[in-house]
Amino acid sequence: MSDSTRRAYWLKTLHRWHWISSALCLIGMIIFAATGITLNHAASIESAPQVQSLVAQLPDAMLDQIQSDGGAAPRKAPLPATLRAWLKHELSVEAGSRDAEWSEDEIYLSLPRPGGDAWLAVDLASGEVEYELTTRGWVSYLNDLHKGRNTGVVWRWFIDIFAAACLVFSLTGLFLLKMHAGGRFATWPVVGLGVLIPALLALLFIH
């Protein structure tokens, strides 16, 4: 294989991987870049939390069953399936299989989520169920997606895959720069500036 044929092969391969990886991570890069700005100016972006509170009453039969199953010893365990189904039907609350805190007189379940928070409490004496949901708007929601905060396993996997696509995009871009650098004399000085500027800022202004 001649040098020109080898160069043409690698150029074609690198261009293919470069555009595929850029297509895969395009929307993610736009979102993560935008939320990088909003996170950097989080103190300047006002957000008025919206709080929704709901109160309901457990059926006596369900309360009796929970009281008999729960026991008095403090522990951590998921809510019973019947209670989860009731919460979904009556309050549109997805409790899932996360552990709740069981005590002698109450069950407390924390339900954190991106862009807000929620909690649920069941009074084991009266059967009263109290649910509170706090939302902080779309900016807070997207910021939490950026950080992977309270987003679950699937989103964390997406972030890992997205980061891998960004690495492929960046590294193939670097190799393409190298292959075209002979006819573009400003290539390496510009790349050097991209390294030097953040390094100097970190050394001089971050303490």
N, C-alpha and C. Protein backbone atom coordinates (compact mmCIF):
# COMPACT_ATOMS: atom_id res chain seq x y z
N MET A 1 0.85 -1.20 0.00
CA MET A 1 0.00 0.00 0.00
C MET A 1 0.89 1.25 0.00
N SER A 2 0.69 2.12 -0.97
CA SER A 2 1.52 3.33 -1.06
C SER A 2 1.13 4.31 0.04
N ASP A 3 2.04 5.30 0.25
CA ASP A 3 1.78 6.31 1.28
C ASP A 3 0.51 7.10 0.99
N SER A 4 0.29 7.44 -0.27
CA SER A 4 -0.90 8.22 -0.62
C SER A 4 -2.17 7.40 -0.41
N THR A 5 -2.11 6.12 -0.72
CA THR A 5 -3.28 5.25 -0.51
C THR A 5 -3.56 5.09 0.98
N ARG A 6 -2.48 4.91 1.76
CA ARG A 6 -2.63 4.78 3.21
C ARG A 6 -3.20 6.06 3.80
N ARG A 7 -2.73 7.20 3.36
CA ARG A 7 -3.22 8.47 3.87
C ARG A 7 -4.71 8.66 3.51
N ALA A 8 -5.07 8.30 2.29
CA ALA A 8 -6.47 8.43 1.87
C ALA A 8 -7.37 7.52 2.71
N TYR A 9 -6.86 6.31 3.02
CA TYR A 9 -7.64 5.37 3.84
C TYR A 9 -7.90 5.94 5.23
N TRP A 10 -6.83 6.45 5.87
CA TRP A 10 -6.98 6.97 7.23
C TRP A 10 -7.82 8.24 7.26
N LEU A 11 -7.67 9.08 6.23
CA LEU A 11 -8.52 10.27 6.17
C LEU A 11 -10.00 9.89 6.08
N LYS A 12 -10.30 8.93 5.24
CA LYS A 12 -11.69 8.48 5.08
C LYS A 12 -12.21 7.87 6.37
N THR A 13 -11.39 7.05 7.02
CA THR A 13 -11.81 6.41 8.27
C THR A 13 -12.03 7.43 9.38
N LEU A 14 -11.08 8.35 9.52
CA LEU A 14 -11.20 9.36 10.57
C LEU A 14 -12.39 10.27 10.34
N HIS A 15 -12.61 10.67 9.08
CA HIS A 15 -13.78 11.49 8.78
C HIS A 15 -15.07 10.75 9.11
N ARG A 16 -15.13 9.45 8.83
CA ARG A 16 -16.33 8.69 9.12
C ARG A 16 -16.61 8.65 10.62
N TRP A 17 -15.58 8.32 11.41
CA TRP A 17 -15.76 8.27 12.86
C TRP A 17 -16.03 9.65 13.44
N HIS A 18 -15.43 10.67 12.83
CA HIS A 18 -15.62 12.03 13.32
C HIS A 18 -17.08 12.48 13.15
N TRP A 19 -17.66 12.24 11.97
CA TRP A 19 -19.03 12.71 11.77
C TRP A 19 -20.04 11.84 12.50
N ILE A 20 -19.76 10.54 12.62
CA ILE A 20 -20.68 9.67 13.37
C ILE A 20 -20.71 10.07 14.84
N SER A 21 -19.54 10.27 15.44
CA SER A 21 -19.49 10.65 16.85
C SER A 21 -20.08 12.03 17.07
N SER A 22 -19.87 12.95 16.12
CA SER A 22 -20.44 14.30 16.27
C SER A 22 -21.96 14.25 16.17
N ALA A 23 -22.48 13.38 15.31
CA ALA A 23 -23.93 13.26 15.20
C ALA A 23 -24.52 12.67 16.47
N LEU A 24 -23.83 11.69 17.08
CA LEU A 24 -24.33 11.05 18.29
C LEU A 24 -24.35 12.02 19.48
N CYS A 25 -23.34 12.87 19.57
CA CYS A 25 -23.25 13.71 20.77
C CYS A 25 -23.64 15.17 20.53
N LEU A 26 -24.18 15.49 19.34
CA LEU A 26 -24.50 16.87 19.00
C LEU A 26 -25.47 17.51 19.99
N ILE A 27 -26.65 16.91 20.14
CA ILE A 27 -27.67 17.50 21.01
C ILE A 27 -27.18 17.51 22.46
N GLY A 28 -26.52 16.42 22.86
CA GLY A 28 -25.98 16.38 24.22
C GLY A 28 -24.97 17.47 24.48
N MET A 29 -24.09 17.75 23.50
CA MET A 29 -23.09 18.80 23.67
C MET A 29 -23.73 20.18 23.77
N ILE A 30 -24.78 20.40 22.99
CA ILE A 30 -25.49 21.68 23.07
C ILE A 30 -26.11 21.85 24.46
N ILE A 31 -26.77 20.79 24.95
CA ILE A 31 -27.42 20.87 26.27
C ILE A 31 -26.37 21.04 27.37
N PHE A 32 -25.30 20.25 27.31
CA PHE A 32 -24.29 20.32 28.36
C PHE A 32 -23.53 21.64 28.33
N ALA A 33 -23.31 22.20 27.14
CA ALA A 33 -22.66 23.51 27.05
C ALA A 33 -23.56 24.60 27.62
N ALA A 34 -24.85 24.54 27.27
CA ALA A 34 -25.80 25.55 27.78
C ALA A 34 -25.93 25.46 29.30
N THR A 35 -26.04 24.23 29.82
CA THR A 35 -26.18 24.09 31.27
C THR A 35 -24.86 24.37 31.99
N GLY A 36 -23.73 24.26 31.26
CA GLY A 36 -22.47 24.71 31.86
C GLY A 36 -22.51 26.19 32.17
N ILE A 37 -23.13 26.97 31.27
CA ILE A 37 -23.29 28.41 31.50
C ILE A 37 -24.25 28.67 32.66
N THR A 38 -25.40 27.97 32.65
CA THR A 38 -26.39 28.21 33.72
C THR A 38 -25.86 27.77 35.08
N LEU A 39 -25.07 26.69 35.11
CA LEU A 39 -24.48 26.27 36.38
C LEU A 39 -23.44 27.28 36.86
N ASN A 40 -22.68 27.84 35.93
CA ASN A 40 -21.66 28.81 36.30
C ASN A 40 -22.27 30.10 36.85
N HIS A 41 -23.52 30.37 36.46
CA HIS A 41 -24.21 31.58 36.93
C HIS A 41 -25.46 31.23 37.73
N ALA A 42 -25.39 30.10 38.44
CA ALA A 42 -26.57 29.63 39.17
C ALA A 42 -27.05 30.64 40.21
N ALA A 43 -26.12 31.35 40.85
CA ALA A 43 -26.51 32.31 41.89
C ALA A 43 -27.26 33.50 41.30
N SER A 44 -27.05 33.78 40.01
CA SER A 44 -27.69 34.93 39.38
C SER A 44 -29.03 34.59 38.73
N ILE A 45 -29.31 33.30 38.60
CA ILE A 45 -30.55 32.88 37.96
C ILE A 45 -31.58 32.56 39.04
N GLU A 46 -32.56 33.42 39.16
CA GLU A 46 -33.56 33.23 40.20
C GLU A 46 -34.53 32.12 39.82
N SER A 47 -34.88 31.34 40.83
CA SER A 47 -35.84 30.26 40.62
C SER A 47 -36.80 30.24 41.79
N ALA A 48 -38.09 30.40 41.49
CA ALA A 48 -39.11 30.38 42.54
C ALA A 48 -39.67 28.97 42.66
N PRO A 49 -39.34 28.25 43.74
CA PRO A 49 -39.84 26.88 43.89
C PRO A 49 -41.36 26.83 43.95
N GLN A 50 -41.92 25.84 43.29
CA GLN A 50 -43.36 25.59 43.34
C GLN A 50 -43.59 24.36 44.21
N VAL A 51 -44.43 24.52 45.23
CA VAL A 51 -44.66 23.44 46.19
C VAL A 51 -46.11 22.96 46.08
N GLN A 52 -46.24 21.66 45.93
CA GLN A 52 -47.56 21.04 45.87
C GLN A 52 -47.69 20.05 47.03
N SER A 53 -48.74 20.20 47.82
CA SER A 53 -48.96 19.32 48.97
C SER A 53 -50.27 18.55 48.80
N LEU A 54 -50.25 17.27 49.11
CA LEU A 54 -51.42 16.43 49.02
C LEU A 54 -51.57 15.64 50.32
N VAL A 55 -52.81 15.45 50.73
CA VAL A 55 -53.11 14.66 51.92
C VAL A 55 -54.19 13.66 51.56
N ALA A 56 -54.00 12.42 51.99
CA ALA A 56 -54.98 11.38 51.72
C ALA A 56 -55.09 10.47 52.94
N GLN A 57 -56.06 9.58 52.91
CA GLN A 57 -56.31 8.68 54.03
C GLN A 57 -56.26 7.23 53.54
N LEU A 58 -55.42 6.44 54.20
CA LEU A 58 -55.35 5.03 53.83
C LEU A 58 -56.63 4.30 54.22
N PRO A 59 -57.05 3.34 53.42
CA PRO A 59 -58.17 2.47 53.83
C PRO A 59 -57.81 1.72 55.10
N ASP A 60 -58.79 1.51 55.96
CA ASP A 60 -58.53 0.86 57.25
C ASP A 60 -57.89 -0.51 57.08
N ALA A 61 -58.37 -1.30 56.11
CA ALA A 61 -57.82 -2.64 55.92
C ALA A 61 -56.34 -2.59 55.55
N MET A 62 -55.97 -1.63 54.69
CA MET A 62 -54.56 -1.49 54.30
C MET A 62 -53.72 -1.03 55.46
N LEU A 63 -54.25 -0.11 56.26
CA LEU A 63 -53.52 0.38 57.43
C LEU A 63 -53.28 -0.75 58.42
N ASP A 64 -54.31 -1.57 58.66
CA ASP A 64 -54.15 -2.70 59.58
C ASP A 64 -53.08 -3.66 59.08
N GLN A 65 -53.07 -3.90 57.78
CA GLN A 65 -52.09 -4.81 57.21
C GLN A 65 -50.68 -4.26 57.36
N ILE A 66 -50.50 -2.96 57.10
CA ILE A 66 -49.18 -2.34 57.23
C ILE A 66 -48.72 -2.35 58.68
N GLN A 67 -49.65 -2.08 59.59
CA GLN A 67 -49.29 -2.10 61.02
C GLN A 67 -48.86 -3.48 61.47
N SER A 68 -49.52 -4.51 60.97
CA SER A 68 -49.17 -5.87 61.37
C SER A 68 -47.87 -6.33 60.72
N ASP A 69 -47.61 -5.87 59.51
CA ASP A 69 -46.39 -6.27 58.80
C ASP A 69 -45.17 -5.44 59.20
N GLY A 70 -45.42 -4.18 59.58
CA GLY A 70 -44.31 -3.26 59.78
C GLY A 70 -43.47 -3.54 60.99
N GLY A 71 -44.11 -3.88 62.10
CA GLY A 71 -43.35 -4.07 63.32
C GLY A 71 -42.94 -2.73 63.92
N ALA A 72 -42.42 -2.76 65.11
CA ALA A 72 -42.08 -1.53 65.82
C ALA A 72 -40.61 -1.15 65.70
N ALA A 73 -39.76 -2.08 65.27
CA ALA A 73 -38.32 -1.80 65.23
C ALA A 73 -38.00 -0.87 64.07
N PRO A 74 -37.21 0.19 64.30
CA PRO A 74 -36.79 1.06 63.20
C PRO A 74 -36.01 0.26 62.15
N ARG A 75 -36.28 0.51 60.88
CA ARG A 75 -35.61 -0.22 59.82
C ARG A 75 -35.76 0.54 58.51
N LYS A 76 -35.08 0.05 57.50
CA LYS A 76 -35.22 0.59 56.15
C LYS A 76 -35.66 -0.53 55.23
N ALA A 77 -36.76 -0.29 54.52
CA ALA A 77 -37.31 -1.30 53.62
C ALA A 77 -38.23 -0.63 52.62
N PRO A 78 -38.41 -1.21 51.44
CA PRO A 78 -39.34 -0.63 50.46
C PRO A 78 -40.77 -0.67 50.98
N LEU A 79 -41.62 0.17 50.40
CA LEU A 79 -43.03 0.15 50.73
C LEU A 79 -43.66 -1.13 50.20
N PRO A 80 -44.69 -1.65 50.89
CA PRO A 80 -45.38 -2.84 50.37
C PRO A 80 -45.97 -2.56 48.99
N ALA A 81 -46.07 -3.61 48.18
CA ALA A 81 -46.57 -3.47 46.82
C ALA A 81 -47.98 -2.90 46.79
N THR A 82 -48.82 -3.32 47.76
CA THR A 82 -50.20 -2.81 47.79
C THR A 82 -50.23 -1.31 48.07
N LEU A 83 -49.34 -0.84 48.94
CA LEU A 83 -49.28 0.59 49.25
C LEU A 83 -48.76 1.36 48.04
N ARG A 84 -47.75 0.82 47.34
CA ARG A 84 -47.23 1.50 46.15
C ARG A 84 -48.32 1.62 45.08
N ALA A 85 -49.10 0.57 44.90
CA ALA A 85 -50.18 0.61 43.91
C ALA A 85 -51.25 1.63 44.31
N TRP A 86 -51.56 1.70 45.60
CA TRP A 86 -52.56 2.66 46.08
C TRP A 86 -52.08 4.10 45.89
N LEU A 87 -50.81 4.35 46.19
CA LEU A 87 -50.25 5.69 46.02
C LEU A 87 -50.28 6.12 44.56
N LYS A 88 -49.97 5.18 43.66
CA LYS A 88 -50.00 5.49 42.24
C LYS A 88 -51.41 5.82 41.77
N HIS A 89 -52.38 5.07 42.26
CA HIS A 89 -53.77 5.27 41.84
C HIS A 89 -54.38 6.52 42.44
N GLU A 90 -54.13 6.75 43.74
CA GLU A 90 -54.79 7.85 44.45
C GLU A 90 -54.06 9.18 44.32
N LEU A 91 -52.73 9.15 44.33
CA LEU A 91 -51.95 10.40 44.36
C LEU A 91 -51.05 10.56 43.13
N SER A 92 -51.06 9.59 42.23
CA SER A 92 -50.17 9.61 41.06
C SER A 92 -48.70 9.72 41.48
N VAL A 93 -48.36 9.00 42.55
CA VAL A 93 -47.00 9.01 43.09
C VAL A 93 -46.35 7.67 42.79
N GLU A 94 -45.19 7.72 42.11
CA GLU A 94 -44.41 6.52 41.83
C GLU A 94 -43.37 6.35 42.94
N ALA A 95 -43.66 5.47 43.87
CA ALA A 95 -42.75 5.27 45.01
C ALA A 95 -41.57 4.39 44.63
N GLY A 96 -41.74 3.49 43.67
CA GLY A 96 -40.65 2.62 43.26
C GLY A 96 -40.25 1.65 44.35
N SER A 97 -39.06 1.10 44.21
CA SER A 97 -38.58 0.09 45.17
C SER A 97 -37.51 0.64 46.11
N ARG A 98 -37.37 1.95 46.17
CA ARG A 98 -36.36 2.52 47.06
C ARG A 98 -36.76 2.31 48.52
N ASP A 99 -35.78 2.30 49.40
CA ASP A 99 -36.03 2.06 50.81
C ASP A 99 -36.70 3.26 51.48
N ALA A 100 -37.68 2.96 52.31
CA ALA A 100 -38.31 3.98 53.16
C ALA A 100 -37.80 3.77 54.59
N GLU A 101 -37.94 4.80 55.41
CA GLU A 101 -37.54 4.72 56.81
C GLU A 101 -38.78 4.39 57.65
N TRP A 102 -38.76 3.22 58.26
CA TRP A 102 -39.87 2.75 59.08
C TRP A 102 -39.53 3.00 60.56
N SER A 103 -40.44 3.63 61.26
CA SER A 103 -40.29 3.80 62.70
C SER A 103 -41.55 3.30 63.38
N GLU A 104 -41.63 3.49 64.67
CA GLU A 104 -42.77 2.98 65.44
C GLU A 104 -44.07 3.63 65.04
N ASP A 105 -44.01 4.91 64.65
CA ASP A 105 -45.26 5.64 64.39
C ASP A 105 -45.36 6.22 62.98
N GLU A 106 -44.34 6.01 62.12
CA GLU A 106 -44.38 6.66 60.81
C GLU A 106 -43.53 5.90 59.80
N ILE A 107 -43.94 6.00 58.55
CA ILE A 107 -43.10 5.59 57.42
C ILE A 107 -42.75 6.86 56.64
N TYR A 108 -41.46 7.07 56.42
CA TYR A 108 -41.03 8.27 55.69
C TYR A 108 -40.23 7.84 54.47
N LEU A 109 -40.60 8.39 53.32
CA LEU A 109 -39.93 8.06 52.07
C LEU A 109 -39.47 9.33 51.37
N SER A 110 -38.17 9.44 51.13
CA SER A 110 -37.62 10.57 50.39
C SER A 110 -37.65 10.24 48.91
N LEU A 111 -38.11 11.20 48.10
CA LEU A 111 -38.24 11.00 46.66
C LEU A 111 -37.54 12.13 45.89
N PRO A 112 -36.21 12.21 45.99
CA PRO A 112 -35.49 13.26 45.27
C PRO A 112 -35.60 13.05 43.77
N ARG A 113 -35.54 14.14 43.02
CA ARG A 113 -35.66 14.08 41.56
C ARG A 113 -34.90 15.25 40.94
N PRO A 114 -34.58 15.18 39.65
CA PRO A 114 -33.93 16.33 39.00
C PRO A 114 -34.84 17.56 39.04
N GLY A 115 -34.26 18.69 39.39
CA GLY A 115 -35.02 19.94 39.39
C GLY A 115 -36.02 20.07 40.51
N GLY A 116 -35.91 19.26 41.54
CA GLY A 116 -36.86 19.38 42.63
C GLY A 116 -36.63 18.33 43.69
N ASP A 117 -37.65 18.16 44.51
CA ASP A 117 -37.57 17.21 45.61
C ASP A 117 -38.99 16.79 45.98
N ALA A 118 -39.09 15.69 46.68
CA ALA A 118 -40.41 15.24 47.14
C ALA A 118 -40.22 14.31 48.32
N TRP A 119 -41.25 14.22 49.14
CA TRP A 119 -41.22 13.26 50.25
C TRP A 119 -42.64 12.80 50.56
N LEU A 120 -42.70 11.67 51.22
CA LEU A 120 -43.97 11.04 51.53
C LEU A 120 -43.91 10.53 52.96
N ALA A 121 -44.96 10.78 53.74
CA ALA A 121 -45.02 10.29 55.11
C ALA A 121 -46.37 9.63 55.37
N VAL A 122 -46.31 8.47 56.02
CA VAL A 122 -47.52 7.74 56.38
C VAL A 122 -47.57 7.64 57.89
N ASP A 123 -48.61 8.21 58.49
CA ASP A 123 -48.82 8.13 59.94
C ASP A 123 -49.42 6.76 60.26
N LEU A 124 -48.69 5.95 60.99
CA LEU A 124 -49.14 4.59 61.26
C LEU A 124 -50.22 4.52 62.32
N ALA A 125 -50.47 5.61 63.01
CA ALA A 125 -51.55 5.62 64.00
C ALA A 125 -52.88 6.00 63.36
N SER A 126 -52.87 7.05 62.53
CA SER A 126 -54.12 7.54 61.95
C SER A 126 -54.35 7.08 60.52
N GLY A 127 -53.27 6.68 59.83
CA GLY A 127 -53.40 6.30 58.42
C GLY A 127 -53.35 7.49 57.47
N GLU A 128 -53.03 8.67 57.99
CA GLU A 128 -52.95 9.85 57.13
C GLU A 128 -51.67 9.78 56.28
N VAL A 129 -51.82 10.06 55.01
CA VAL A 129 -50.69 10.09 54.08
C VAL A 129 -50.47 11.53 53.63
N GLU A 130 -49.25 12.02 53.79
CA GLU A 130 -48.91 13.38 53.38
C GLU A 130 -47.81 13.31 52.33
N TYR A 131 -48.02 14.02 51.24
CA TYR A 131 -47.06 14.05 50.14
C TYR A 131 -46.77 15.48 49.76
N GLU A 132 -45.48 15.80 49.58
CA GLU A 132 -45.11 17.15 49.18
C GLU A 132 -44.10 17.08 48.03
N LEU A 133 -44.39 17.84 46.98
CA LEU A 133 -43.54 17.91 45.79
C LEU A 133 -43.08 19.34 45.58
N THR A 134 -41.78 19.52 45.44
CA THR A 134 -41.19 20.83 45.17
C THR A 134 -40.50 20.79 43.81
N THR A 135 -40.85 21.73 42.93
CA THR A 135 -40.20 21.84 41.63
C THR A 135 -39.56 23.21 41.51
N ARG A 136 -38.41 23.26 40.86
CA ARG A 136 -37.64 24.51 40.76
C ARG A 136 -37.46 24.98 39.32
N GLY A 137 -38.24 24.45 38.40
CA GLY A 137 -38.23 24.95 37.03
C GLY A 137 -37.30 24.16 36.12
N TRP A 138 -37.37 24.52 34.81
CA TRP A 138 -36.64 23.79 33.78
C TRP A 138 -35.14 24.00 33.87
N VAL A 139 -34.72 25.19 34.27
CA VAL A 139 -33.27 25.43 34.36
C VAL A 139 -32.65 24.52 35.42
N SER A 140 -33.31 24.43 36.57
CA SER A 140 -32.83 23.55 37.63
C SER A 140 -32.87 22.09 37.19
N TYR A 141 -33.92 21.74 36.46
CA TYR A 141 -34.04 20.36 35.96
C TYR A 141 -32.88 20.01 35.03
N LEU A 142 -32.58 20.89 34.06
CA LEU A 142 -31.49 20.64 33.13
C LEU A 142 -30.13 20.67 33.82
N ASN A 143 -29.98 21.55 34.81
CA ASN A 143 -28.73 21.58 35.58
C ASN A 143 -28.49 20.25 36.29
N ASP A 144 -29.54 19.68 36.86
CA ASP A 144 -29.40 18.40 37.55
C ASP A 144 -29.11 17.28 36.56
N LEU A 145 -29.67 17.36 35.35
CA LEU A 145 -29.31 16.38 34.32
C LEU A 145 -27.82 16.47 33.99
N HIS A 146 -27.32 17.69 33.91
CA HIS A 146 -25.89 17.92 33.63
C HIS A 146 -25.03 17.24 34.70
N LYS A 147 -25.43 17.37 35.97
CA LYS A 147 -24.65 16.81 37.08
C LYS A 147 -24.95 15.34 37.33
N GLY A 148 -26.01 14.80 36.71
CA GLY A 148 -26.41 13.43 37.00
C GLY A 148 -26.99 13.29 38.39
N ARG A 149 -27.60 14.36 38.90
CA ARG A 149 -28.10 14.36 40.27
C ARG A 149 -29.52 13.77 40.32
N ASN A 150 -29.67 12.72 41.09
CA ASN A 150 -30.98 12.08 41.29
C ASN A 150 -31.63 11.68 39.95
N THR A 151 -30.81 11.17 39.03
CA THR A 151 -31.31 10.87 37.69
C THR A 151 -31.47 9.38 37.41
N GLY A 152 -30.93 8.53 38.28
CA GLY A 152 -31.09 7.10 38.08
C GLY A 152 -30.00 6.48 37.21
N VAL A 153 -30.04 5.16 37.13
CA VAL A 153 -28.98 4.41 36.47
C VAL A 153 -28.96 4.64 34.97
N VAL A 154 -30.12 4.70 34.33
CA VAL A 154 -30.18 4.82 32.87
C VAL A 154 -29.52 6.12 32.41
N TRP A 155 -29.82 7.22 33.09
CA TRP A 155 -29.23 8.50 32.69
C TRP A 155 -27.73 8.51 32.93
N ARG A 156 -27.28 7.87 34.01
CA ARG A 156 -25.83 7.80 34.25
C ARG A 156 -25.13 7.00 33.15
N TRP A 157 -25.78 5.94 32.67
CA TRP A 157 -25.23 5.21 31.54
C TRP A 157 -25.17 6.09 30.30
N PHE A 158 -26.24 6.89 30.09
CA PHE A 158 -26.24 7.79 28.94
C PHE A 158 -25.07 8.78 29.02
N ILE A 159 -24.82 9.33 30.21
CA ILE A 159 -23.71 10.28 30.36
C ILE A 159 -22.39 9.61 30.01
N ASP A 160 -22.19 8.37 30.45
CA ASP A 160 -20.95 7.65 30.13
C ASP A 160 -20.81 7.44 28.62
N ILE A 161 -21.90 7.01 27.97
CA ILE A 161 -21.86 6.78 26.52
C ILE A 161 -21.63 8.10 25.78
N PHE A 162 -22.32 9.15 26.22
CA PHE A 162 -22.15 10.48 25.63
C PHE A 162 -20.71 10.95 25.77
N ALA A 163 -20.12 10.76 26.96
CA ALA A 163 -18.73 11.17 27.18
C ALA A 163 -17.78 10.40 26.27
N ALA A 164 -18.05 9.10 26.07
CA ALA A 164 -17.22 8.30 25.17
C ALA A 164 -17.32 8.81 23.74
N ALA A 165 -18.55 9.18 23.30
CA ALA A 165 -18.72 9.74 21.95
C ALA A 165 -17.98 11.05 21.81
N CYS A 166 -17.99 11.87 22.86
CA CYS A 166 -17.24 13.14 22.83
C CYS A 166 -15.74 12.89 22.72
N LEU A 167 -15.24 11.87 23.41
CA LEU A 167 -13.83 11.54 23.32
C LEU A 167 -13.46 11.11 21.90
N VAL A 168 -14.31 10.27 21.30
CA VAL A 168 -14.05 9.84 19.91
C VAL A 168 -14.05 11.05 18.98
N PHE A 169 -15.05 11.93 19.16
CA PHE A 169 -15.15 13.15 18.34
C PHE A 169 -13.89 14.01 18.47
N SER A 170 -13.43 14.19 19.72
CA SER A 170 -12.27 15.05 19.96
C SER A 170 -10.98 14.42 19.45
N LEU A 171 -10.80 13.13 19.70
CA LEU A 171 -9.55 12.47 19.29
C LEU A 171 -9.46 12.34 17.77
N THR A 172 -10.57 12.00 17.12
CA THR A 172 -10.53 11.95 15.65
C THR A 172 -10.29 13.34 15.08
N GLY A 173 -10.84 14.37 15.73
CA GLY A 173 -10.56 15.74 15.30
C GLY A 173 -9.09 16.07 15.43
N LEU A 174 -8.48 15.60 16.53
CA LEU A 174 -7.04 15.85 16.73
C LEU A 174 -6.21 15.18 15.63
N PHE A 175 -6.54 13.94 15.29
CA PHE A 175 -5.80 13.25 14.24
C PHE A 175 -6.02 13.90 12.88
N LEU A 176 -7.25 14.38 12.63
CA LEU A 176 -7.50 15.09 11.38
C LEU A 176 -6.70 16.38 11.31
N LEU A 177 -6.59 17.08 12.44
CA LEU A 177 -5.75 18.28 12.50
C LEU A 177 -4.31 17.93 12.13
N LYS A 178 -3.82 16.82 12.68
CA LYS A 178 -2.44 16.41 12.40
C LYS A 178 -2.25 16.13 10.91
N MET A 179 -3.22 15.47 10.31
CA MET A 179 -3.07 15.10 8.90
C MET A 179 -3.18 16.30 7.96
N HIS A 180 -3.89 17.35 8.41
CA HIS A 180 -4.04 18.54 7.56
C HIS A 180 -3.08 19.67 7.96
N ALA A 181 -2.30 19.43 9.01
CA ALA A 181 -1.48 20.52 9.56
C ALA A 181 -0.41 21.01 8.58
N GLY A 182 0.02 20.13 7.66
CA GLY A 182 1.08 20.54 6.73
C GLY A 182 0.71 21.73 5.88
N GLY A 183 -0.56 21.85 5.52
CA GLY A 183 -0.98 22.98 4.68
C GLY A 183 -1.67 24.08 5.45
N ARG A 184 -1.74 23.93 6.76
CA ARG A 184 -2.39 24.96 7.60
C ARG A 184 -1.45 25.29 8.76
N PHE A 185 -0.66 26.32 8.57
CA PHE A 185 0.43 26.59 9.51
C PHE A 185 -0.05 27.09 10.87
N ALA A 186 -1.28 27.57 10.94
CA ALA A 186 -1.79 28.07 12.22
C ALA A 186 -2.35 26.96 13.10
N THR A 187 -2.38 25.70 12.59
CA THR A 187 -3.03 24.61 13.32
C THR A 187 -2.48 24.44 14.73
N TRP A 188 -1.17 24.17 14.83
CA TRP A 188 -0.61 23.87 16.14
C TRP A 188 -0.50 25.08 17.06
N PRO A 189 -0.23 26.29 16.55
CA PRO A 189 -0.31 27.45 17.44
C PRO A 189 -1.70 27.64 18.06
N VAL A 190 -2.76 27.40 17.25
CA VAL A 190 -4.12 27.54 17.79
C VAL A 190 -4.41 26.44 18.81
N VAL A 191 -3.99 25.20 18.50
CA VAL A 191 -4.16 24.11 19.46
C VAL A 191 -3.39 24.42 20.74
N GLY A 192 -2.18 24.95 20.59
CA GLY A 192 -1.38 25.32 21.76
C GLY A 192 -2.07 26.36 22.62
N LEU A 193 -2.71 27.35 21.96
CA LEU A 193 -3.46 28.35 22.72
C LEU A 193 -4.62 27.71 23.49
N GLY A 194 -5.25 26.72 22.86
CA GLY A 194 -6.34 26.04 23.55
C GLY A 194 -5.89 25.33 24.80
N VAL A 195 -4.62 24.94 24.85
CA VAL A 195 -4.06 24.32 26.06
C VAL A 195 -3.54 25.38 27.02
N LEU A 196 -2.86 26.39 26.47
CA LEU A 196 -2.18 27.39 27.29
C LEU A 196 -3.15 28.30 28.04
N ILE A 197 -4.21 28.74 27.38
CA ILE A 197 -5.14 29.70 28.01
C ILE A 197 -5.78 29.13 29.28
N PRO A 198 -6.42 27.94 29.24
CA PRO A 198 -6.99 27.43 30.49
C PRO A 198 -5.93 27.11 31.55
N ALA A 199 -4.73 26.68 31.11
CA ALA A 199 -3.66 26.39 32.09
C ALA A 199 -3.24 27.66 32.80
N LEU A 200 -3.06 28.77 32.05
CA LEU A 200 -2.68 30.03 32.69
C LEU A 200 -3.77 30.56 33.60
N LEU A 201 -5.02 30.48 33.15
CA LEU A 201 -6.14 30.94 33.98
C LEU A 201 -6.19 30.16 35.29
N ALA A 202 -5.97 28.84 35.20
CA ALA A 202 -6.01 28.01 36.41
C ALA A 202 -4.87 28.38 37.36
N LEU A 203 -3.67 28.60 36.80
CA LEU A 203 -2.52 28.92 37.64
C LEU A 203 -2.59 30.32 38.25
N LEU A 204 -3.11 31.28 37.48
CA LEU A 204 -3.08 32.67 37.93
C LEU A 204 -4.31 33.11 38.72
N PHE A 205 -5.47 32.54 38.42
CA PHE A 205 -6.70 33.08 39.00
C PHE A 205 -7.50 32.11 39.86
N ILE A 206 -7.08 30.83 39.91
CA ILE A 206 -7.77 29.89 40.77
C ILE A 206 -6.90 29.60 41.98
N HIS A 207 -7.42 29.86 43.16
CA HIS A 207 -6.64 29.70 44.39
C HIS A 207 -7.37 28.74 45.31
